[in-house]
Amino acid sequence: MVVSPGDARTVANYEASRLGDISESLSDIARSFVTEGYRESTRGGHGVPPRQSEVSFMSAMRKKKSVKTQKGDQTKSLILETALEMFHERGYEQTTMRAIAEKASLSLGNAYYYFSSKEHLIQAFYRRTHEQHLVAVIPALEKQQTLKGRLLAVMRLKIETIEPYYEFAGALFKTAANPGSPLNPFSDGSDPVRQQSIELFAQVLDGAKVRIPKDLRAELPYLLWVYHMGIILFWIHDKSPKHRRTYRLVDHTVDLLDKLISLASNPFMRPIRKQALKLVEELKDAAADLETQNEGEK
């Protein structure tokens, strides 16, 4: 990320102001302890119950911290919502952090305090949609025991979760599809959410009553994650009413995957399974090499 000299001074001034606030708060705490006569060494050491005034003071400090945290969360949410709106209106590349801060009625330093770059804003968007998906998926999985039922629930709820961001997703795809972009789902920057999503598919398999060969079981969560990314790509380009084609594709492909996975333990399928897993390894190696190449070009 390139920051102009003016922006750098703004951030530096803001950070200096924050350090001053922290210093003043620490001074207030010290004065309060002295005023209340808090002297651990003169009151019998550790284990002596604090005075009522000390309890009130500590309670007030916890309350102040809670209010501050809540305000910080609200500010982060405001910045993210504003950014998503502007990314949709102007495009990702044309939107600046300064413009986002101005529209959110915040200082540039405040915006940079919560999000150090536009890339971090998008990663926050990825995290939020994943967390929203988990909230919807967990109770649904508790009701399903078959692989088909569990996978179908995860995939349908994924589309429902990201549905409100359909227009924005199209604009984001133009940047995220670039193999060298930090917003690419296969990039290092996207790794935390990617791993959490892969773990979700591992849980789908863990709770399903189906026999899966060990070699396939080790790679299947990753394969299901790649499959679900393909469904999202189809959804981005789906212009059918209420995205019916996407839901129909999910239904048909989940049914096909369920049958293929059930057949995978058949001895006659072993050679085909081994060949398919070899292709998976080559795919993962190619993705890793591409990421290394992109890092070297930065």
C-alpha atoms as a PDB file:
ATOM      1  CA  MET A   1       0.000   0.000   0.000  1.00  0.00           C
ATOM      2  CA  VAL A   2       1.346   3.454  -0.962  1.00  0.00           C
ATOM      3  CA  VAL A   3       0.522   6.279   1.448  1.00  0.00           C
ATOM      4  CA  SER A   4       0.997   9.901   0.375  1.00  0.00           C
ATOM      5  CA  PRO A   5       3.073  12.256   2.585  1.00  0.00           C
ATOM      6  CA  GLY A   6      -0.121  14.079   3.571  1.00  0.00           C
ATOM      7  CA  ASP A   7      -1.816  10.860   4.603  1.00  0.00           C
ATOM      8  CA  ALA A   8       1.292   9.763   6.497  1.00  0.00           C
ATOM      9  CA  ARG A   9       1.314  13.014   8.482  1.00  0.00           C
ATOM     10  CA  THR A  10      -2.398  12.599   9.230  1.00  0.00           C
ATOM     11  CA  VAL A  11      -1.854   9.078  10.552  1.00  0.00           C
ATOM     12  CA  ALA A  12       1.219  10.159  12.535  1.00  0.00           C
ATOM     13  CA  ASN A  13      -0.648  13.063  14.139  1.00  0.00           C
ATOM     14  CA  TYR A  14      -3.558  10.798  15.007  1.00  0.00           C
ATOM     15  CA  GLU A  15      -1.294   8.190  16.590  1.00  0.00           C
ATOM     16  CA  ALA A  16       0.504  10.908  18.586  1.00  0.00           C
ATOM     17  CA  SER A  17      -2.870  12.120  19.828  1.00  0.00           C
ATOM     18  CA  ARG A  18      -3.810   8.573  20.867  1.00  0.00           C
ATOM     19  CA  LEU A  19      -0.557   8.176  22.772  1.00  0.00           C
ATOM     20  CA  GLY A  20      -1.305  11.411  24.582  1.00  0.00           C
ATOM     21  CA  ASP A  21      -4.773  10.140  25.519  1.00  0.00           C
ATOM     22  CA  ILE A  22      -3.315   6.864  26.790  1.00  0.00           C
ATOM     23  CA  SER A  23      -0.706   8.710  28.859  1.00  0.00           C
ATOM     24  CA  GLU A  24      -3.378  10.953  30.368  1.00  0.00           C
ATOM     25  CA  SER A  25      -5.571   7.936  31.207  1.00  0.00           C
ATOM     26  CA  LEU A  26      -2.673   6.204  32.949  1.00  0.00           C
ATOM     27  CA  SER A  27      -1.988   9.353  34.962  1.00  0.00           C
ATOM     28  CA  ASP A  28      -5.646   9.508  36.009  1.00  0.00           C
ATOM     29  CA  ILE A  29      -5.516   5.886  37.149  1.00  0.00           C
ATOM     30  CA  ALA A  30      -2.357   6.506  39.176  1.00  0.00           C
ATOM     31  CA  ARG A  31      -3.850   9.593  40.844  1.00  0.00           C
ATOM     32  CA  SER A  32      -7.032   7.677  41.684  1.00  0.00           C
ATOM     33  CA  PHE A  33      -5.086   4.895  43.372  1.00  0.00           C
ATOM     34  CA  VAL A  34      -3.089   7.392  45.425  1.00  0.00           C
ATOM     35  CA  THR A  35      -6.201   9.374  46.351  1.00  0.00           C
ATOM     36  CA  GLU A  36      -7.975   6.247  47.557  1.00  0.00           C
ATOM     37  CA  GLY A  37      -4.953   5.343  49.680  1.00  0.00           C
ATOM     38  CA  TYR A  38      -4.312   2.111  47.833  1.00  0.00           C
ATOM     39  CA  ARG A  39      -1.105   0.699  49.302  1.00  0.00           C
ATOM     40  CA  GLU A  40      -0.914  -3.065  48.993  1.00  0.00           C
ATOM     41  CA  SER A  41       2.281  -3.317  51.074  1.00  0.00           C
ATOM     42  CA  THR A  42       0.794  -1.463  54.052  1.00  0.00           C
ATOM     43  CA  ARG A  43      -2.436  -3.464  54.095  1.00  0.00           C
ATOM     44  CA  GLY A  44      -1.093  -6.933  54.675  1.00  0.00           C
ATOM     45  CA  GLY A  45      -0.017  -7.764  51.138  1.00  0.00           C
ATOM     46  CA  HIS A  46      -2.027  -9.896  48.724  1.00  0.00           C
ATOM     47  CA  GLY A  47      -5.385 -11.347  49.586  1.00  0.00           C
ATOM     48  CA  VAL A  48      -6.718  -8.253  51.412  1.00  0.00           C
ATOM     49  CA  PRO A  49     -10.197  -7.377  50.126  1.00  0.00           C
ATOM     50  CA  PRO A  50     -10.218  -4.021  48.292  1.00  0.00           C
ATOM     51  CA  ARG A  51     -12.064  -1.081  49.780  1.00  0.00           C
ATOM     52  CA  GLN A  52     -15.504  -0.182  48.464  1.00  0.00           C
ATOM     53  CA  SER A  53     -14.048   2.907  46.800  1.00  0.00           C
ATOM     54  CA  GLU A  54     -11.510   0.714  44.998  1.00  0.00           C
ATOM     55  CA  VAL A  55     -14.237  -1.682  43.874  1.00  0.00           C
ATOM     56  CA  SER A  56     -16.257   1.238  42.520  1.00  0.00           C
ATOM     57  CA  PHE A  57     -13.202   2.595  40.732  1.00  0.00           C
ATOM     58  CA  MET A  58     -12.361  -0.737  39.085  1.00  0.00           C
ATOM     59  CA  SER A  59     -15.999  -1.258  38.128  1.00  0.00           C
ATOM     60  CA  ALA A  60     -16.090   2.168  36.511  1.00  0.00           C
ATOM     61  CA  MET A  61     -12.900   1.407  34.570  1.00  0.00           C
ATOM     62  CA  ARG A  62     -14.342  -1.887  33.268  1.00  0.00           C
ATOM     63  CA  LYS A  63     -17.531  -0.122  32.243  1.00  0.00           C
ATOM     64  CA  LYS A  64     -15.537   2.591  30.473  1.00  0.00           C
ATOM     65  CA  LYS A  65     -13.540  -0.052  28.602  1.00  0.00           C
ATOM     66  CA  SER A  66     -16.735  -1.880  27.602  1.00  0.00           C
ATOM     67  CA  VAL A  67     -18.312   1.312  26.253  1.00  0.00           C
ATOM     68  CA  LYS A  68     -15.108   2.122  24.359  1.00  0.00           C
ATOM     69  CA  THR A  69     -15.003  -1.367  22.827  1.00  0.00           C
ATOM     70  CA  GLN A  70     -18.633  -1.099  21.768  1.00  0.00           C
ATOM     71  CA  LYS A  71     -17.992   2.279  20.176  1.00  0.00           C
ATOM     72  CA  GLY A  72     -14.954   0.867  18.369  1.00  0.00           C
ATOM     73  CA  ASP A  73     -17.017  -2.018  16.967  1.00  0.00           C
ATOM     74  CA  GLN A  74     -19.635   0.445  15.738  1.00  0.00           C
ATOM     75  CA  THR A  75     -16.962   2.544  14.045  1.00  0.00           C
ATOM     76  CA  LYS A  76     -15.455  -0.517  12.352  1.00  0.00           C
ATOM     77  CA  SER A  77     -18.876  -1.560  11.110  1.00  0.00           C
ATOM     78  CA  LEU A  78     -19.545   1.953   9.789  1.00  0.00           C
ATOM     79  CA  ILE A  79     -16.252   2.025   7.885  1.00  0.00           C
ATOM     80  CA  LEU A  80     -16.849  -1.430   6.394  1.00  0.00           C
ATOM     81  CA  GLU A  81     -20.428  -0.688   5.319  1.00  0.00           C
ATOM     82  CA  THR A  82     -19.340   2.617   3.776  1.00  0.00           C
ATOM     83  CA  ALA A  83     -16.475   0.929   1.944  1.00  0.00           C
ATOM     84  CA  LEU A  84     -18.692  -1.824   0.514  1.00  0.00           C
ATOM     85  CA  GLU A  85     -21.159   0.770  -0.740  1.00  0.00           C
ATOM     86  CA  MET A  86     -18.412   2.810  -2.398  1.00  0.00           C
ATOM     87  CA  PHE A  87     -16.704  -0.252  -3.892  1.00  0.00           C
ATOM     88  CA  HIS A  88     -20.017  -1.069  -5.552  1.00  0.00           C
ATOM     89  CA  GLU A  89     -20.595   2.501  -6.766  1.00  0.00           C
ATOM     90  CA  ARG A  90     -17.073   3.411  -7.915  1.00  0.00           C
ATOM     91  CA  GLY A  91     -15.259   0.113  -8.170  1.00  0.00           C
ATOM     92  CA  TYR A  92     -12.531  -1.178  -5.901  1.00  0.00           C
ATOM     93  CA  GLU A  93      -9.574   0.439  -7.670  1.00  0.00           C
ATOM     94  CA  GLN A  94     -11.209   3.874  -7.909  1.00  0.00           C
ATOM     95  CA  THR A  95     -12.147   4.042  -4.224  1.00  0.00           C
ATOM     96  CA  THR A  96      -9.585   5.496  -1.806  1.00  0.00           C
ATOM     97  CA  MET A  97      -9.303   5.250   1.953  1.00  0.00           C
ATOM     98  CA  ARG A  98      -9.601   9.039   2.115  1.00  0.00           C
ATOM     99  CA  ALA A  99     -12.912   8.945   0.230  1.00  0.00           C
ATOM    100  CA  ILE A 100     -14.220   6.200   2.527  1.00  0.00           C
ATOM    101  CA  ALA A 101     -13.260   8.207   5.623  1.00  0.00           C
ATOM    102  CA  GLU A 102     -14.901  11.375   4.283  1.00  0.00           C
ATOM    103  CA  LYS A 103     -18.167   9.621   3.445  1.00  0.00           C
ATOM    104  CA  ALA A 104     -18.206   7.980   6.891  1.00  0.00           C
ATOM    105  CA  SER A 105     -17.568  11.426   8.470  1.00  0.00           C
ATOM    106  CA  LEU A 106     -14.345  10.198  10.067  1.00  0.00           C
ATOM    107  CA  SER A 107     -10.767  11.403   9.999  1.00  0.00           C
ATOM    108  CA  LEU A 108      -8.379   9.562   7.700  1.00  0.00           C
ATOM    109  CA  GLY A 109      -6.276   8.613  10.716  1.00  0.00           C
ATOM    110  CA  ASN A 110      -9.306   7.057  12.393  1.00  0.00           C
ATOM    111  CA  ALA A 111     -10.072   4.989   9.292  1.00  0.00           C
ATOM    112  CA  TYR A 112      -6.467   3.777   9.069  1.00  0.00           C
ATOM    113  CA  TYR A 113      -6.516   2.911  12.783  1.00  0.00           C
ATOM    114  CA  TYR A 114      -9.215   0.284  12.195  1.00  0.00           C
ATOM    115  CA  PHE A 115      -8.231  -0.804   8.672  1.00  0.00           C
ATOM    116  CA  SER A 116      -4.692  -0.271   7.426  1.00  0.00           C
ATOM    117  CA  SER A 117      -5.648  -0.745   3.765  1.00  0.00           C
ATOM    118  CA  LYS A 118      -8.482  -1.454   1.344  1.00  0.00           C
ATOM    119  CA  GLU A 119      -7.303  -5.062   1.235  1.00  0.00           C
ATOM    120  CA  HIS A 120      -7.951  -5.377   4.962  1.00  0.00           C
ATOM    121  CA  LEU A 121     -11.474  -4.064   4.408  1.00  0.00           C
ATOM    122  CA  ILE A 122     -12.183  -6.830   1.906  1.00  0.00           C
ATOM    123  CA  GLN A 123     -10.653  -9.458   4.184  1.00  0.00           C
ATOM    124  CA  ALA A 124     -12.977  -8.171   6.929  1.00  0.00           C
ATOM    125  CA  PHE A 125     -15.866  -8.619   4.494  1.00  0.00           C
ATOM    126  CA  TYR A 126     -14.762 -12.201   3.830  1.00  0.00           C
ATOM    127  CA  ARG A 127     -14.619 -12.877   7.583  1.00  0.00           C
ATOM    128  CA  ARG A 128     -18.033 -11.366   8.218  1.00  0.00           C
ATOM    129  CA  THR A 129     -19.815 -13.359   5.523  1.00  0.00           C
ATOM    130  CA  HIS A 130     -18.102 -16.547   6.732  1.00  0.00           C
ATOM    131  CA  GLU A 131     -19.213 -15.885  10.316  1.00  0.00           C
ATOM    132  CA  GLN A 132     -22.763 -15.166   9.140  1.00  0.00           C
ATOM    133  CA  HIS A 133     -22.694 -18.435   7.225  1.00  0.00           C
ATOM    134  CA  LEU A 134     -21.558 -20.352  10.317  1.00  0.00           C
ATOM    135  CA  VAL A 135     -24.390 -18.910  12.408  1.00  0.00           C
ATOM    136  CA  ALA A 136     -26.895 -20.238   9.881  1.00  0.00           C
ATOM    137  CA  VAL A 137     -25.141 -23.556   9.216  1.00  0.00           C
ATOM    138  CA  ILE A 138     -24.483 -24.894  12.730  1.00  0.00           C
ATOM    139  CA  PRO A 139     -28.148 -25.503  13.693  1.00  0.00           C
ATOM    140  CA  ALA A 140     -28.870 -26.856  10.208  1.00  0.00           C
ATOM    141  CA  LEU A 141     -26.089 -29.449  10.458  1.00  0.00           C
ATOM    142  CA  GLU A 142     -27.432 -30.659  13.797  1.00  0.00           C
ATOM    143  CA  LYS A 143     -30.578 -31.790  11.977  1.00  0.00           C
ATOM    144  CA  GLN A 144     -28.767 -33.645   9.171  1.00  0.00           C
ATOM    145  CA  GLN A 145     -26.855 -36.928   9.332  1.00  0.00           C
ATOM    146  CA  THR A 146     -26.480 -37.858   5.664  1.00  0.00           C
ATOM    147  CA  LEU A 147     -23.675 -36.435   3.549  1.00  0.00           C
ATOM    148  CA  LYS A 148     -26.133 -35.193   0.954  1.00  0.00           C
ATOM    149  CA  GLY A 149     -28.307 -33.435   3.533  1.00  0.00           C
ATOM    150  CA  ARG A 150     -25.356 -31.803   5.280  1.00  0.00           C
ATOM    151  CA  LEU A 151     -23.607 -30.657   2.108  1.00  0.00           C
ATOM    152  CA  LEU A 152     -26.847 -29.383   0.623  1.00  0.00           C
ATOM    153  CA  ALA A 153     -27.554 -27.342   3.762  1.00  0.00           C
ATOM    154  CA  VAL A 154     -24.087 -25.771   3.718  1.00  0.00           C
ATOM    155  CA  MET A 155     -24.223 -24.864   0.033  1.00  0.00           C
ATOM    156  CA  ARG A 156     -27.756 -23.479  -0.013  1.00  0.00           C
ATOM    157  CA  LEU A 157     -27.173 -21.430   3.126  1.00  0.00           C
ATOM    158  CA  LYS A 158     -23.957 -20.070   1.630  1.00  0.00           C
ATOM    159  CA  ILE A 159     -25.859 -18.609  -1.308  1.00  0.00           C
ATOM    160  CA  GLU A 160     -28.541 -17.227   1.012  1.00  0.00           C
ATOM    161  CA  THR A 161     -25.876 -15.602   3.201  1.00  0.00           C
ATOM    162  CA  ILE A 162     -24.088 -13.783   0.379  1.00  0.00           C
ATOM    163  CA  GLU A 163     -27.299 -12.915  -1.506  1.00  0.00           C
ATOM    164  CA  PRO A 164     -27.484  -9.340  -0.086  1.00  0.00           C
ATOM    165  CA  TYR A 165     -24.015  -8.639  -1.518  1.00  0.00           C
ATOM    166  CA  TYR A 166     -24.767  -9.799  -5.062  1.00  0.00           C
ATOM    167  CA  GLU A 167     -24.207  -6.446  -6.782  1.00  0.00           C
ATOM    168  CA  PHE A 168     -21.024  -5.811  -4.829  1.00  0.00           C
ATOM    169  CA  ALA A 169     -19.719  -9.327  -5.507  1.00  0.00           C
ATOM    170  CA  GLY A 170     -19.695  -8.661  -9.232  1.00  0.00           C
ATOM    171  CA  ALA A 171     -17.556  -5.548  -8.776  1.00  0.00           C
ATOM    172  CA  LEU A 172     -15.225  -7.339  -6.369  1.00  0.00           C
ATOM    173  CA  PHE A 173     -14.742 -10.275  -8.732  1.00  0.00           C
ATOM    174  CA  LYS A 174     -13.011  -8.035 -11.285  1.00  0.00           C
ATOM    175  CA  THR A 175     -10.180  -7.517  -8.794  1.00  0.00           C
ATOM    176  CA  ALA A 176     -10.277 -10.792  -6.856  1.00  0.00           C
ATOM    177  CA  ALA A 177     -10.063 -12.882 -10.043  1.00  0.00           C
ATOM    178  CA  ASN A 178      -6.565 -11.536 -10.691  1.00  0.00           C
ATOM    179  CA  PRO A 179      -4.129 -14.297  -9.595  1.00  0.00           C
ATOM    180  CA  GLY A 180      -1.756 -11.661  -8.202  1.00  0.00           C
ATOM    181  CA  SER A 181      -4.395  -9.877  -6.147  1.00  0.00           C
ATOM    182  CA  PRO A 182      -4.241 -10.201  -2.331  1.00  0.00           C
ATOM    183  CA  LEU A 183      -8.035 -10.479  -2.536  1.00  0.00           C
ATOM    184  CA  ASN A 184      -7.853 -13.686  -4.548  1.00  0.00           C
ATOM    185  CA  PRO A 185      -9.381 -16.561  -2.520  1.00  0.00           C
ATOM    186  CA  PHE A 186      -6.176 -18.573  -3.038  1.00  0.00           C
ATOM    187  CA  SER A 187      -3.859 -15.786  -1.791  1.00  0.00           C
ATOM    188  CA  ASP A 188      -1.960 -15.751   1.501  1.00  0.00           C
ATOM    189  CA  GLY A 189      -4.096 -12.833   2.670  1.00  0.00           C
ATOM    190  CA  SER A 190      -7.223 -14.953   2.296  1.00  0.00           C
ATOM    191  CA  ASP A 191      -5.694 -17.957   4.059  1.00  0.00           C
ATOM    192  CA  PRO A 192      -7.378 -17.523   7.499  1.00  0.00           C
ATOM    193  CA  VAL A 193     -10.912 -17.493   6.078  1.00  0.00           C
ATOM    194  CA  ARG A 194     -10.006 -20.166   3.522  1.00  0.00           C
ATOM    195  CA  GLN A 195      -8.778 -22.521   6.257  1.00  0.00           C
ATOM    196  CA  GLN A 196     -11.886 -21.888   8.356  1.00  0.00           C
ATOM    197  CA  SER A 197     -14.075 -22.670   5.373  1.00  0.00           C
ATOM    198  CA  ILE A 198     -12.140 -25.870   4.635  1.00  0.00           C
ATOM    199  CA  GLU A 199     -12.569 -26.844   8.293  1.00  0.00           C
ATOM    200  CA  LEU A 200     -16.326 -26.372   7.921  1.00  0.00           C
ATOM    201  CA  PHE A 201     -16.377 -28.923   5.100  1.00  0.00           C
ATOM    202  CA  ALA A 202     -14.315 -31.251   7.290  1.00  0.00           C
ATOM    203  CA  GLN A 203     -17.084 -31.009   9.899  1.00  0.00           C
ATOM    204  CA  VAL A 204     -19.652 -31.778   7.209  1.00  0.00           C
ATOM    205  CA  LEU A 205     -17.824 -35.046   6.543  1.00  0.00           C
ATOM    206  CA  ASP A 206     -17.218 -35.841  10.220  1.00  0.00           C
ATOM    207  CA  GLY A 207     -20.921 -35.809  11.015  1.00  0.00           C
ATOM    208  CA  ALA A 208     -22.044 -37.752   7.951  1.00  0.00           C
ATOM    209  CA  LYS A 209     -22.854 -41.445   7.992  1.00  0.00           C
ATOM    210  CA  VAL A 210     -20.752 -42.458   5.002  1.00  0.00           C
ATOM    211  CA  ARG A 211     -17.619 -44.534   4.413  1.00  0.00           C
ATOM    212  CA  ILE A 212     -14.798 -42.513   2.877  1.00  0.00           C
ATOM    213  CA  PRO A 213     -11.341 -43.952   2.065  1.00  0.00           C
ATOM    214  CA  LYS A 214      -8.600 -42.344   4.172  1.00  0.00           C
ATOM    215  CA  ASP A 215      -6.645 -40.989   1.219  1.00  0.00           C
ATOM    216  CA  LEU A 216      -9.740 -39.281  -0.178  1.00  0.00           C
ATOM    217  CA  ARG A 217     -10.889 -38.137   3.256  1.00  0.00           C
ATOM    218  CA  ALA A 218      -7.657 -36.191   3.725  1.00  0.00           C
ATOM    219  CA  GLU A 219      -8.186 -34.148   0.547  1.00  0.00           C
ATOM    220  CA  LEU A 220     -11.970 -33.981   0.375  1.00  0.00           C
ATOM    221  CA  PRO A 221     -12.486 -30.857   2.555  1.00  0.00           C
ATOM    222  CA  TYR A 222     -10.182 -28.888   0.238  1.00  0.00           C
ATOM    223  CA  LEU A 223     -11.923 -30.278  -2.847  1.00  0.00           C
ATOM    224  CA  LEU A 224     -15.326 -29.323  -1.460  1.00  0.00           C
ATOM    225  CA  TRP A 225     -14.028 -25.809  -0.777  1.00  0.00           C
ATOM    226  CA  VAL A 226     -12.872 -25.527  -4.418  1.00  0.00           C
ATOM    227  CA  TYR A 227     -16.273 -26.840  -5.525  1.00  0.00           C
ATOM    228  CA  HIS A 228     -18.083 -24.234  -3.423  1.00  0.00           C
ATOM    229  CA  MET A 229     -15.903 -21.467  -4.931  1.00  0.00           C
ATOM    230  CA  GLY A 230     -17.007 -22.669  -8.366  1.00  0.00           C
ATOM    231  CA  ILE A 231     -20.647 -22.417  -7.292  1.00  0.00           C
ATOM    232  CA  ILE A 232     -20.069 -18.847  -6.078  1.00  0.00           C
ATOM    233  CA  LEU A 233     -18.496 -17.957  -9.428  1.00  0.00           C
ATOM    234  CA  PHE A 234     -21.571 -19.341 -11.206  1.00  0.00           C
ATOM    235  CA  TRP A 235     -23.817 -17.347  -8.840  1.00  0.00           C
ATOM    236  CA  ILE A 236     -21.961 -14.106  -9.649  1.00  0.00           C
ATOM    237  CA  HIS A 237     -22.838 -14.554 -13.339  1.00  0.00           C
ATOM    238  CA  ASP A 238     -26.355 -15.941 -12.760  1.00  0.00           C
ATOM    239  CA  LYS A 239     -29.029 -13.479 -13.898  1.00  0.00           C
ATOM    240  CA  SER A 240     -31.991 -15.833 -13.497  1.00  0.00           C
ATOM    241  CA  PRO A 241     -34.886 -14.747 -11.214  1.00  0.00           C
ATOM    242  CA  LYS A 242     -33.882 -15.246  -7.555  1.00  0.00           C
ATOM    243  CA  HIS A 243     -30.818 -17.104  -8.884  1.00  0.00           C
ATOM    244  CA  ARG A 244     -32.854 -20.230  -9.468  1.00  0.00           C
ATOM    245  CA  ARG A 245     -30.221 -21.656 -11.804  1.00  0.00           C
ATOM    246  CA  THR A 246     -27.637 -21.496  -9.022  1.00  0.00           C
ATOM    247  CA  TYR A 247     -29.867 -23.342  -6.569  1.00  0.00           C
ATOM    248  CA  ARG A 248     -30.698 -25.915  -9.243  1.00  0.00           C
ATOM    249  CA  LEU A 249     -26.986 -26.380  -9.950  1.00  0.00           C
ATOM    250  CA  VAL A 250     -26.339 -26.852  -6.228  1.00  0.00           C
ATOM    251  CA  ASP A 251     -29.059 -29.503  -5.966  1.00  0.00           C
ATOM    252  CA  HIS A 252     -27.800 -31.486  -8.965  1.00  0.00           C
ATOM    253  CA  THR A 253     -24.082 -31.263  -8.150  1.00  0.00           C
ATOM    254  CA  VAL A 254     -24.549 -32.166  -4.480  1.00  0.00           C
ATOM    255  CA  ASP A 255     -26.550 -35.230  -5.536  1.00  0.00           C
ATOM    256  CA  LEU A 256     -23.767 -36.201  -7.951  1.00  0.00           C
ATOM    257  CA  LEU A 257     -21.022 -35.642  -5.359  1.00  0.00           C
ATOM    258  CA  ASP A 258     -22.900 -37.735  -2.812  1.00  0.00           C
ATOM    259  CA  LYS A 259     -23.061 -40.659  -5.236  1.00  0.00           C
ATOM    260  CA  LEU A 260     -19.423 -40.349  -6.298  1.00  0.00           C
ATOM    261  CA  ILE A 261     -18.165 -40.192  -2.704  1.00  0.00           C
ATOM    262  CA  SER A 262     -20.299 -43.201  -1.771  1.00  0.00           C
ATOM    263  CA  LEU A 263     -18.772 -45.164  -4.651  1.00  0.00           C
ATOM    264  CA  ALA A 264     -15.213 -44.122  -3.776  1.00  0.00           C
ATOM    265  CA  SER A 265     -14.765 -46.989  -1.299  1.00  0.00           C
ATOM    266  CA  ASN A 266     -15.534 -49.555  -4.006  1.00  0.00           C
ATOM    267  CA  PRO A 267     -12.331 -51.537  -4.795  1.00  0.00           C
ATOM    268  CA  PHE A 268     -12.910 -51.071  -8.528  1.00  0.00           C
ATOM    269  CA  MET A 269     -12.786 -47.285  -8.026  1.00  0.00           C
ATOM    270  CA  ARG A 270      -9.343 -47.331  -6.378  1.00  0.00           C
ATOM    271  CA  PRO A 271      -7.264 -46.709  -9.555  1.00  0.00           C
ATOM    272  CA  ILE A 272      -9.517 -43.831 -10.613  1.00  0.00           C
ATOM    273  CA  ARG A 273      -9.446 -42.401  -7.086  1.00  0.00           C
ATOM    274  CA  LYS A 274      -5.647 -42.514  -6.974  1.00  0.00           C
ATOM    275  CA  GLN A 275      -5.412 -40.781 -10.335  1.00  0.00           C
ATOM    276  CA  ALA A 276      -7.849 -38.079  -9.243  1.00  0.00           C
ATOM    277  CA  LEU A 277      -5.935 -37.452  -6.003  1.00  0.00           C
ATOM    278  CA  LYS A 278      -2.701 -37.091  -7.959  1.00  0.00           C
ATOM    279  CA  LEU A 279      -4.350 -34.338  -9.994  1.00  0.00           C
ATOM    280  CA  VAL A 280      -5.415 -32.651  -6.760  1.00  0.00           C
ATOM    281  CA  GLU A 281      -1.814 -32.586  -5.544  1.00  0.00           C
ATOM    282  CA  GLU A 282      -0.691 -31.027  -8.823  1.00  0.00           C
ATOM    283  CA  LEU A 283      -3.429 -28.411  -8.514  1.00  0.00           C
ATOM    284  CA  LYS A 284      -2.353 -27.490  -4.987  1.00  0.00           C
ATOM    285  CA  ASP A 285       1.317 -27.340  -5.996  1.00  0.00           C
ATOM    286  CA  ALA A 286       0.480 -25.077  -8.936  1.00  0.00           C
ATOM    287  CA  ALA A 287      -1.518 -22.749  -6.681  1.00  0.00           C
ATOM    288  CA  ALA A 288       1.377 -22.590  -4.200  1.00  0.00           C
ATOM    289  CA  ASP A 289       3.913 -21.868  -6.965  1.00  0.00           C
ATOM    290  CA  LEU A 290       1.734 -19.097  -8.346  1.00  0.00           C
ATOM    291  CA  GLU A 291       1.424 -17.484  -4.922  1.00  0.00           C
ATOM    292  CA  THR A 292       5.200 -17.649  -4.436  1.00  0.00           C
ATOM    293  CA  GLN A 293       5.719 -16.058  -7.843  1.00  0.00           C
ATOM    294  CA  ASN A 294       3.272 -13.263  -7.023  1.00  0.00           C
ATOM    295  CA  GLU A 295       5.027 -12.578  -3.725  1.00  0.00           C
ATOM    296  CA  GLY A 296       8.357 -12.306  -5.518  1.00  0.00           C
ATOM    297  CA  GLU A 297       6.978  -9.724  -7.950  1.00  0.00           C
ATOM    298  CA  LYS A 298       5.771  -7.390  -5.181  1.00  0.00           C
END
